[in-house]
Amino acid sequence: MKFFLFFLFLFPFSSYPVFSQSNLLESVKKNPGEAKNICNKFRELNSKGVSASENEAIDYVSKRNKLTPVNAEIFSIYVIGLHCPDII
């Protein structure tokens, strides 16, 4: 019984990241102009030898979109996948 109650307590919290990731993907799909601006910033960083997965790029996305670093990284992956696959 304790296990069942523990599971019920954790279940709503464990599903939250899934909804969060879905919302991030939708925001990328609905704002292609914003995504292209981020792509341009990634290209600028790439020209300086900075990868889109490095802290400098993730911090930029995090601050620009008011996201946690983890969500900023997920957001960046979506942006790159949908709008700028040439980014490294």
PDB file of N, CA and C in Angstrom:
ATOM      1  N   MET A   1       0.814  -1.192   0.000  1.00  0.00           N
ATOM      2  CA  MET A   1       0.000   0.000   0.000  1.00  0.00           C
ATOM      3  C   MET A   1       0.862   1.262   0.000  1.00  0.00           C
ATOM      4  N   LYS A   2       1.936   1.251   0.790  1.00  0.00           N
ATOM      5  CA  LYS A   2       2.817   2.412   0.838  1.00  0.00           C
ATOM      6  C   LYS A   2       3.439   2.677  -0.530  1.00  0.00           C
ATOM      7  N   PHE A   3       3.827   1.608  -1.213  1.00  0.00           N
ATOM      8  CA  PHE A   3       4.410   1.760  -2.545  1.00  0.00           C
ATOM      9  C   PHE A   3       3.417   2.414  -3.491  1.00  0.00           C
ATOM     10  N   PHE A   4       2.169   1.986  -3.438  1.00  0.00           N
ATOM     11  CA  PHE A   4       1.139   2.550  -4.305  1.00  0.00           C
ATOM     12  C   PHE A   4       0.948   4.048  -4.031  1.00  0.00           C
ATOM     13  N   LEU A   5       0.889   4.440  -2.762  1.00  0.00           N
ATOM     14  CA  LEU A   5       0.747   5.851  -2.414  1.00  0.00           C
ATOM     15  C   LEU A   5       1.972   6.654  -2.851  1.00  0.00           C
ATOM     16  N   PHE A   6       3.129   6.072  -2.685  1.00  0.00           N
ATOM     17  CA  PHE A   6       4.358   6.725  -3.118  1.00  0.00           C
ATOM     18  C   PHE A   6       4.325   6.930  -4.634  1.00  0.00           C
ATOM     19  N   PHE A   7       3.906   5.923  -5.378  1.00  0.00           N
ATOM     20  CA  PHE A   7       3.800   6.010  -6.834  1.00  0.00           C
ATOM     21  C   PHE A   7       2.807   7.097  -7.238  1.00  0.00           C
ATOM     22  N   LEU A   8       1.665   7.165  -6.589  1.00  0.00           N
ATOM     23  CA  LEU A   8       0.671   8.197  -6.898  1.00  0.00           C
ATOM     24  C   LEU A   8       1.213   9.595  -6.611  1.00  0.00           C
ATOM     25  N   PHE A   9       2.014   9.708  -5.586  1.00  0.00           N
ATOM     26  CA  PHE A   9       2.604  10.997  -5.261  1.00  0.00           C
ATOM     27  C   PHE A   9       3.611  11.433  -6.316  1.00  0.00           C
ATOM     28  N   LEU A  10       4.415  10.521  -6.812  1.00  0.00           N
ATOM     29  CA  LEU A  10       5.461  10.848  -7.781  1.00  0.00           C
ATOM     30  C   LEU A  10       4.963  10.942  -9.208  1.00  0.00           C
ATOM     31  N   PHE A  11       3.898  10.269  -9.553  1.00  0.00           N
ATOM     32  CA  PHE A  11       3.436  10.218 -10.937  1.00  0.00           C
ATOM     33  C   PHE A  11       3.196  11.587 -11.563  1.00  0.00           C
ATOM     34  N   PRO A  12       2.474  12.496 -10.903  1.00  0.00           N
ATOM     35  CA  PRO A  12       2.253  13.810 -11.532  1.00  0.00           C
ATOM     36  C   PRO A  12       3.556  14.572 -11.787  1.00  0.00           C
ATOM     37  N   PHE A  13       4.528  14.413 -10.899  1.00  0.00           N
ATOM     38  CA  PHE A  13       5.790  15.124 -11.064  1.00  0.00           C
ATOM     39  C   PHE A  13       6.650  14.495 -12.141  1.00  0.00           C
ATOM     40  N   SER A  14       6.541  13.200 -12.331  1.00  0.00           N
ATOM     41  CA  SER A  14       7.358  12.544 -13.345  1.00  0.00           C
ATOM     42  C   SER A  14       6.853  12.825 -14.748  1.00  0.00           C
ATOM     43  N   SER A  15       5.583  13.152 -14.909  1.00  0.00           N
ATOM     44  CA  SER A  15       5.062  13.439 -16.238  1.00  0.00           C
ATOM     45  C   SER A  15       5.275  14.896 -16.652  1.00  0.00           C
ATOM     46  N   TYR A  16       5.604  15.766 -15.716  1.00  0.00           N
ATOM     47  CA  TYR A  16       5.770  17.181 -16.022  1.00  0.00           C
ATOM     48  C   TYR A  16       6.839  17.452 -17.081  1.00  0.00           C
ATOM     49  N   PRO A  17       8.035  16.844 -17.022  1.00  0.00           N
ATOM     50  CA  PRO A  17       9.034  17.129 -18.051  1.00  0.00           C
ATOM     51  C   PRO A  17       8.564  16.779 -19.459  1.00  0.00           C
ATOM     52  N   VAL A  18       7.733  15.772 -19.591  1.00  0.00           N
ATOM     53  CA  VAL A  18       7.223  15.405 -20.902  1.00  0.00           C
ATOM     54  C   VAL A  18       6.378  16.538 -21.477  1.00  0.00           C
ATOM     55  N   PHE A  19       5.515  17.101 -20.669  1.00  0.00           N
ATOM     56  CA  PHE A  19       4.694  18.218 -21.124  1.00  0.00           C
ATOM     57  C   PHE A  19       5.562  19.429 -21.416  1.00  0.00           C
ATOM     58  N   SER A  20       6.566  19.651 -20.602  1.00  0.00           N
ATOM     59  CA  SER A  20       7.467  20.768 -20.788  1.00  0.00           C
ATOM     60  C   SER A  20       8.197  20.650 -22.125  1.00  0.00           C
ATOM     61  N   GLN A  21       8.686  19.468 -22.462  1.00  0.00           N
ATOM     62  CA  GLN A  21       9.391  19.269 -23.717  1.00  0.00           C
ATOM     63  C   GLN A  21       8.458  19.466 -24.892  1.00  0.00           C
ATOM     64  N   SER A  22       7.238  19.021 -24.774  1.00  0.00           N
ATOM     65  CA  SER A  22       6.261  19.200 -25.834  1.00  0.00           C
ATOM     66  C   SER A  22       5.997  20.687 -26.069  1.00  0.00           C
ATOM     67  N   ASN A  23       5.885  21.453 -24.986  1.00  0.00           N
ATOM     68  CA  ASN A  23       5.667  22.891 -25.110  1.00  0.00           C
ATOM     69  C   ASN A  23       6.856  23.577 -25.760  1.00  0.00           C
ATOM     70  N   LEU A  24       8.064  23.125 -25.455  1.00  0.00           N
ATOM     71  CA  LEU A  24       9.245  23.696 -26.082  1.00  0.00           C
ATOM     72  C   LEU A  24       9.227  23.454 -27.585  1.00  0.00           C
ATOM     73  N   LEU A  25       8.886  22.245 -27.985  1.00  0.00           N
ATOM     74  CA  LEU A  25       8.825  21.926 -29.409  1.00  0.00           C
ATOM     75  C   LEU A  25       7.767  22.769 -30.101  1.00  0.00           C
ATOM     76  N   GLU A  26       6.634  22.918 -29.478  1.00  0.00           N
ATOM     77  CA  GLU A  26       5.566  23.735 -30.067  1.00  0.00           C
ATOM     78  C   GLU A  26       5.994  25.193 -30.197  1.00  0.00           C
ATOM     79  N   SER A  27       6.714  25.695 -29.209  1.00  0.00           N
ATOM     80  CA  SER A  27       7.145  27.098 -29.283  1.00  0.00           C
ATOM     81  C   SER A  27       8.140  27.294 -30.429  1.00  0.00           C
ATOM     82  N   VAL A  28       8.969  26.304 -30.700  1.00  0.00           N
ATOM     83  CA  VAL A  28       9.894  26.389 -31.835  1.00  0.00           C
ATOM     84  C   VAL A  28       9.119  26.356 -33.153  1.00  0.00           C
ATOM     85  N   LYS A  29       8.121  25.488 -33.235  1.00  0.00           N
ATOM     86  CA  LYS A  29       7.320  25.387 -34.457  1.00  0.00           C
ATOM     87  C   LYS A  29       6.532  26.666 -34.725  1.00  0.00           C
ATOM     88  N   LYS A  30       6.022  27.294 -33.675  1.00  0.00           N
ATOM     89  CA  LYS A  30       5.176  28.469 -33.841  1.00  0.00           C
ATOM     90  C   LYS A  30       5.957  29.765 -34.051  1.00  0.00           C
ATOM     91  N   ASN A  31       7.238  29.764 -33.755  1.00  0.00           N
ATOM     92  CA  ASN A  31       8.057  30.969 -33.857  1.00  0.00           C
ATOM     93  C   ASN A  31       9.283  30.744 -34.742  1.00  0.00           C
ATOM     94  N   PRO A  32       9.077  30.512 -36.035  1.00  0.00           N
ATOM     95  CA  PRO A  32      10.240  30.245 -36.898  1.00  0.00           C
ATOM     96  C   PRO A  32      11.187  31.440 -37.000  1.00  0.00           C
ATOM     97  N   GLY A  33      10.673  32.654 -36.886  1.00  0.00           N
ATOM     98  CA  GLY A  33      11.545  33.825 -36.924  1.00  0.00           C
ATOM     99  C   GLY A  33      12.510  33.854 -35.760  1.00  0.00           C
ATOM    100  N   GLU A  34      11.996  33.553 -34.579  1.00  0.00           N
ATOM    101  CA  GLU A  34      12.828  33.485 -33.379  1.00  0.00           C
ATOM    102  C   GLU A  34      13.871  32.375 -33.523  1.00  0.00           C
ATOM    103  N   ALA A  35      13.435  31.242 -34.056  1.00  0.00           N
ATOM    104  CA  ALA A  35      14.353  30.117 -34.247  1.00  0.00           C
ATOM    105  C   ALA A  35      15.471  30.499 -35.224  1.00  0.00           C
ATOM    106  N   LYS A  36      15.124  31.208 -36.277  1.00  0.00           N
ATOM    107  CA  LYS A  36      16.141  31.617 -37.255  1.00  0.00           C
ATOM    108  C   LYS A  36      17.120  32.615 -36.643  1.00  0.00           C
ATOM    109  N   ASN A  37      16.649  33.486 -35.761  1.00  0.00           N
ATOM    110  CA  ASN A  37      17.557  34.391 -35.054  1.00  0.00           C
ATOM    111  C   ASN A  37      18.542  33.611 -34.194  1.00  0.00           C
ATOM    112  N   ILE A  38      18.046  32.587 -33.533  1.00  0.00           N
ATOM    113  CA  ILE A  38      18.919  31.747 -32.711  1.00  0.00           C
ATOM    114  C   ILE A  38      19.901  30.989 -33.606  1.00  0.00           C
ATOM    115  N   CYS A  39      19.434  30.525 -34.765  1.00  0.00           N
ATOM    116  CA  CYS A  39      20.332  29.866 -35.718  1.00  0.00           C
ATOM    117  C   CYS A  39      21.465  30.804 -36.122  1.00  0.00           C
ATOM    118  N   ASN A  40      21.138  32.060 -36.378  1.00  0.00           N
ATOM    119  CA  ASN A  40      22.166  33.028 -36.758  1.00  0.00           C
ATOM    120  C   ASN A  40      23.182  33.220 -35.642  1.00  0.00           C
ATOM    121  N   LYS A  41      22.701  33.250 -34.405  1.00  0.00           N
ATOM    122  CA  LYS A  41      23.621  33.364 -33.263  1.00  0.00           C
ATOM    123  C   LYS A  41      24.500  32.117 -33.177  1.00  0.00           C
ATOM    124  N   PHE A  42      23.917  30.946 -33.389  1.00  0.00           N
ATOM    125  CA  PHE A  42      24.705  29.712 -33.370  1.00  0.00           C
ATOM    126  C   PHE A  42      25.769  29.727 -34.475  1.00  0.00           C
ATOM    127  N   ARG A  43      25.408  30.225 -35.652  1.00  0.00           N
ATOM    128  CA  ARG A  43      26.385  30.320 -36.748  1.00  0.00           C
ATOM    129  C   ARG A  43      27.528  31.261 -36.370  1.00  0.00           C
ATOM    130  N   GLU A  44      27.164  32.358 -35.739  1.00  0.00           N
ATOM    131  CA  GLU A  44      28.185  33.305 -35.270  1.00  0.00           C
ATOM    132  C   GLU A  44      29.117  32.630 -34.268  1.00  0.00           C
ATOM    133  N   LEU A  45      28.537  31.903 -33.332  1.00  0.00           N
ATOM    134  CA  LEU A  45      29.350  31.189 -32.346  1.00  0.00           C
ATOM    135  C   LEU A  45      30.194  30.109 -33.004  1.00  0.00           C
ATOM    136  N   ASN A  46      29.613  29.387 -33.980  1.00  0.00           N
ATOM    137  CA  ASN A  46      30.368  28.356 -34.699  1.00  0.00           C
ATOM    138  C   ASN A  46      31.581  28.963 -35.399  1.00  0.00           C
ATOM    139  N   SER A  47      31.422  30.161 -35.945  1.00  0.00           N
ATOM    140  CA  SER A  47      32.538  30.807 -36.645  1.00  0.00           C
ATOM    141  C   SER A  47      33.678  31.153 -35.680  1.00  0.00           C
ATOM    142  N   LYS A  48      33.349  31.246 -34.384  1.00  0.00           N
ATOM    143  CA  LYS A  48      34.359  31.506 -33.357  1.00  0.00           C
ATOM    144  C   LYS A  48      34.871  30.218 -32.729  1.00  0.00           C
ATOM    145  N   GLY A  49      34.392  29.088 -33.234  1.00  0.00           N
ATOM    146  CA  GLY A  49      34.822  27.799 -32.701  1.00  0.00           C
ATOM    147  C   GLY A  49      34.009  27.307 -31.520  1.00  0.00           C
ATOM    148  N   VAL A  50      32.854  27.923 -31.271  1.00  0.00           N
ATOM    149  CA  VAL A  50      31.998  27.540 -30.140  1.00  0.00           C
ATOM    150  C   VAL A  50      30.837  26.703 -30.672  1.00  0.00           C
ATOM    151  N   SER A  51      30.684  25.514 -30.136  1.00  0.00           N
ATOM    152  CA  SER A  51      29.593  24.619 -30.518  1.00  0.00           C
ATOM    153  C   SER A  51      28.281  25.071 -29.894  1.00  0.00           C
ATOM    154  N   ALA A  52      27.177  24.735 -30.540  1.00  0.00           N
ATOM    155  CA  ALA A  52      25.851  25.082 -30.021  1.00  0.00           C
ATOM    156  C   ALA A  52      25.530  24.343 -28.727  1.00  0.00           C
ATOM    157  N   SER A  53      26.283  23.317 -28.417  1.00  0.00           N
ATOM    158  CA  SER A  53      26.029  22.569 -27.182  1.00  0.00           C
ATOM    159  C   SER A  53      26.912  23.023 -26.026  1.00  0.00           C
ATOM    160  N   GLU A  54      27.772  23.998 -26.278  1.00  0.00           N
ATOM    161  CA  GLU A  54      28.642  24.500 -25.217  1.00  0.00           C
ATOM    162  C   GLU A  54      27.889  25.499 -24.321  1.00  0.00           C
ATOM    163  N   ASN A  55      28.448  25.732 -23.157  1.00  0.00           N
ATOM    164  CA  ASN A  55      27.789  26.583 -22.155  1.00  0.00           C
ATOM    165  C   ASN A  55      27.466  27.973 -22.668  1.00  0.00           C
ATOM    166  N   GLU A  56      28.334  28.565 -23.457  1.00  0.00           N
ATOM    167  CA  GLU A  56      28.093  29.919 -23.959  1.00  0.00           C
ATOM    168  C   GLU A  56      26.805  29.980 -24.785  1.00  0.00           C
ATOM    169  N   ALA A  57      26.610  28.999 -25.651  1.00  0.00           N
ATOM    170  CA  ALA A  57      25.408  28.958 -26.483  1.00  0.00           C
ATOM    171  C   ALA A  57      24.169  28.637 -25.654  1.00  0.00           C
ATOM    172  N   ILE A  58      24.285  27.686 -24.751  1.00  0.00           N
ATOM    173  CA  ILE A  58      23.151  27.307 -23.906  1.00  0.00           C
ATOM    174  C   ILE A  58      22.759  28.470 -22.995  1.00  0.00           C
ATOM    175  N   ASP A  59      23.746  29.179 -22.449  1.00  0.00           N
ATOM    176  CA  ASP A  59      23.441  30.347 -21.613  1.00  0.00           C
ATOM    177  C   ASP A  59      22.711  31.420 -22.409  1.00  0.00           C
ATOM    178  N   TYR A  60      23.125  31.622 -23.649  1.00  0.00           N
ATOM    179  CA  TYR A  60      22.459  32.605 -24.513  1.00  0.00           C
ATOM    180  C   TYR A  60      20.984  32.250 -24.690  1.00  0.00           C
ATOM    181  N   VAL A  61      20.717  30.992 -25.034  1.00  0.00           N
ATOM    182  CA  VAL A  61      19.330  30.548 -25.241  1.00  0.00           C
ATOM    183  C   VAL A  61      18.547  30.611 -23.935  1.00  0.00           C
ATOM    184  N   SER A  62      19.185  30.228 -22.861  1.00  0.00           N
ATOM    185  CA  SER A  62      18.528  30.236 -21.554  1.00  0.00           C
ATOM    186  C   SER A  62      18.089  31.647 -21.157  1.00  0.00           C
ATOM    187  N   LYS A  63      18.979  32.603 -21.298  1.00  0.00           N
ATOM    188  CA  LYS A  63      18.650  33.984 -20.921  1.00  0.00           C
ATOM    189  C   LYS A  63      17.645  34.599 -21.886  1.00  0.00           C
ATOM    190  N   ARG A  64      17.807  34.351 -23.177  1.00  0.00           N
ATOM    191  CA  ARG A  64      16.930  34.946 -24.184  1.00  0.00           C
ATOM    192  C   ARG A  64      15.488  34.476 -24.039  1.00  0.00           C
ATOM    193  N   ASN A  65      15.324  33.202 -23.678  1.00  0.00           N
ATOM    194  CA  ASN A  65      13.984  32.611 -23.606  1.00  0.00           C
ATOM    195  C   ASN A  65      13.527  32.319 -22.186  1.00  0.00           C
ATOM    196  N   LYS A  66      14.307  32.759 -21.209  1.00  0.00           N
ATOM    197  CA  LYS A  66      13.968  32.561 -19.789  1.00  0.00           C
ATOM    198  C   LYS A  66      13.701  31.087 -19.491  1.00  0.00           C
ATOM    199  N   LEU A  67      14.688  30.258 -19.841  1.00  0.00           N
ATOM    200  CA  LEU A  67      14.592  28.816 -19.639  1.00  0.00           C
ATOM    201  C   LEU A  67      15.675  28.348 -18.688  1.00  0.00           C
ATOM    202  N   THR A  68      15.436  27.203 -18.077  1.00  0.00           N
ATOM    203  CA  THR A  68      16.497  26.569 -17.301  1.00  0.00           C
ATOM    204  C   THR A  68      17.550  26.074 -18.287  1.00  0.00           C
ATOM    205  N   PRO A  69      18.767  25.838 -17.833  1.00  0.00           N
ATOM    206  CA  PRO A  69      19.795  25.332 -18.748  1.00  0.00           C
ATOM    207  C   PRO A  69      19.398  24.019 -19.444  1.00  0.00           C
ATOM    208  N   VAL A  70      18.742  23.143 -18.727  1.00  0.00           N
ATOM    209  CA  VAL A  70      18.316  21.869 -19.340  1.00  0.00           C
ATOM    210  C   VAL A  70      17.282  22.126 -20.432  1.00  0.00           C
ATOM    211  N   ASN A  71      16.289  22.955 -20.144  1.00  0.00           N
ATOM    212  CA  ASN A  71      15.281  23.261 -21.157  1.00  0.00           C
ATOM    213  C   ASN A  71      15.877  24.062 -22.312  1.00  0.00           C
ATOM    214  N   ALA A  72      16.853  24.908 -22.022  1.00  0.00           N
ATOM    215  CA  ALA A  72      17.522  25.658 -23.087  1.00  0.00           C
ATOM    216  C   ALA A  72      18.266  24.709 -24.023  1.00  0.00           C
ATOM    217  N   GLU A  73      18.860  23.675 -23.466  1.00  0.00           N
ATOM    218  CA  GLU A  73      19.557  22.696 -24.308  1.00  0.00           C
ATOM    219  C   GLU A  73      18.565  21.926 -25.177  1.00  0.00           C
ATOM    220  N   ILE A  74      17.443  21.531 -24.608  1.00  0.00           N
ATOM    221  CA  ILE A  74      16.401  20.842 -25.362  1.00  0.00           C
ATOM    222  C   ILE A  74      15.857  21.758 -26.447  1.00  0.00           C
ATOM    223  N   PHE A  75      15.586  23.009 -26.088  1.00  0.00           N
ATOM    224  CA  PHE A  75      15.096  24.006 -27.034  1.00  0.00           C
ATOM    225  C   PHE A  75      16.085  24.167 -28.186  1.00  0.00           C
ATOM    226  N   SER A  76      17.372  24.240 -27.859  1.00  0.00           N
ATOM    227  CA  SER A  76      18.416  24.387 -28.882  1.00  0.00           C
ATOM    228  C   SER A  76      18.420  23.208 -29.850  1.00  0.00           C
ATOM    229  N   ILE A  77      18.263  22.025 -29.317  1.00  0.00           N
ATOM    230  CA  ILE A  77      18.237  20.825 -30.163  1.00  0.00           C
ATOM    231  C   ILE A  77      17.061  20.887 -31.126  1.00  0.00           C
ATOM    232  N   TYR A  78      15.908  21.304 -30.632  1.00  0.00           N
ATOM    233  CA  TYR A  78      14.731  21.449 -31.497  1.00  0.00           C
ATOM    234  C   TYR A  78      14.969  22.502 -32.578  1.00  0.00           C
ATOM    235  N   VAL A  79      15.535  23.646 -32.185  1.00  0.00           N
ATOM    236  CA  VAL A  79      15.805  24.718 -33.147  1.00  0.00           C
ATOM    237  C   VAL A  79      16.753  24.222 -34.231  1.00  0.00           C
ATOM    238  N   ILE A  80      17.817  23.586 -33.830  1.00  0.00           N
ATOM    239  CA  ILE A  80      18.792  23.081 -34.798  1.00  0.00           C
ATOM    240  C   ILE A  80      18.169  22.041 -35.710  1.00  0.00           C
ATOM    241  N   GLY A  81      17.432  21.119 -35.127  1.00  0.00           N
ATOM    242  CA  GLY A  81      16.806  20.059 -35.927  1.00  0.00           C
ATOM    243  C   GLY A  81      15.790  20.565 -36.930  1.00  0.00           C
ATOM    244  N   LEU A  82      15.041  21.589 -36.566  1.00  0.00           N
ATOM    245  CA  LEU A  82      13.986  22.082 -37.445  1.00  0.00           C
ATOM    246  C   LEU A  82      14.432  23.191 -38.397  1.00  0.00           C
ATOM    247  N   HIS A  83      15.393  24.008 -37.983  1.00  0.00           N
ATOM    248  CA  HIS A  83      15.671  25.211 -38.739  1.00  0.00           C
ATOM    249  C   HIS A  83      17.123  25.381 -39.203  1.00  0.00           C
ATOM    250  N   CYS A  84      18.049  24.727 -38.586  1.00  0.00           N
ATOM    251  CA  CYS A  84      19.450  24.934 -38.993  1.00  0.00           C
ATOM    252  C   CYS A  84      20.295  23.676 -38.744  1.00  0.00           C
ATOM    253  N   PRO A  85      20.081  22.641 -39.526  1.00  0.00           N
ATOM    254  CA  PRO A  85      20.825  21.401 -39.325  1.00  0.00           C
ATOM    255  C   PRO A  85      22.314  21.519 -39.642  1.00  0.00           C
ATOM    256  N   ASP A  86      22.740  22.643 -40.219  1.00  0.00           N
ATOM    257  CA  ASP A  86      24.165  22.847 -40.520  1.00  0.00           C
ATOM    258  C   ASP A  86      24.973  23.256 -39.297  1.00  0.00           C
ATOM    259  N   ILE A  87      24.327  23.543 -38.216  1.00  0.00           N
ATOM    260  CA  ILE A  87      25.001  23.997 -36.983  1.00  0.00           C
ATOM    261  C   ILE A  87      25.661  22.801 -36.291  1.00  0.00           C
ATOM    262  N   ILE A  88      26.838  23.076 -35.721  1.00  0.00           N
ATOM    263  CA  ILE A  88      27.517  22.015 -34.944  1.00  0.00           C
ATOM    264  C   ILE A  88      27.519  22.362 -33.479  1.00  0.00           C
TER     265      ILE A  88
END
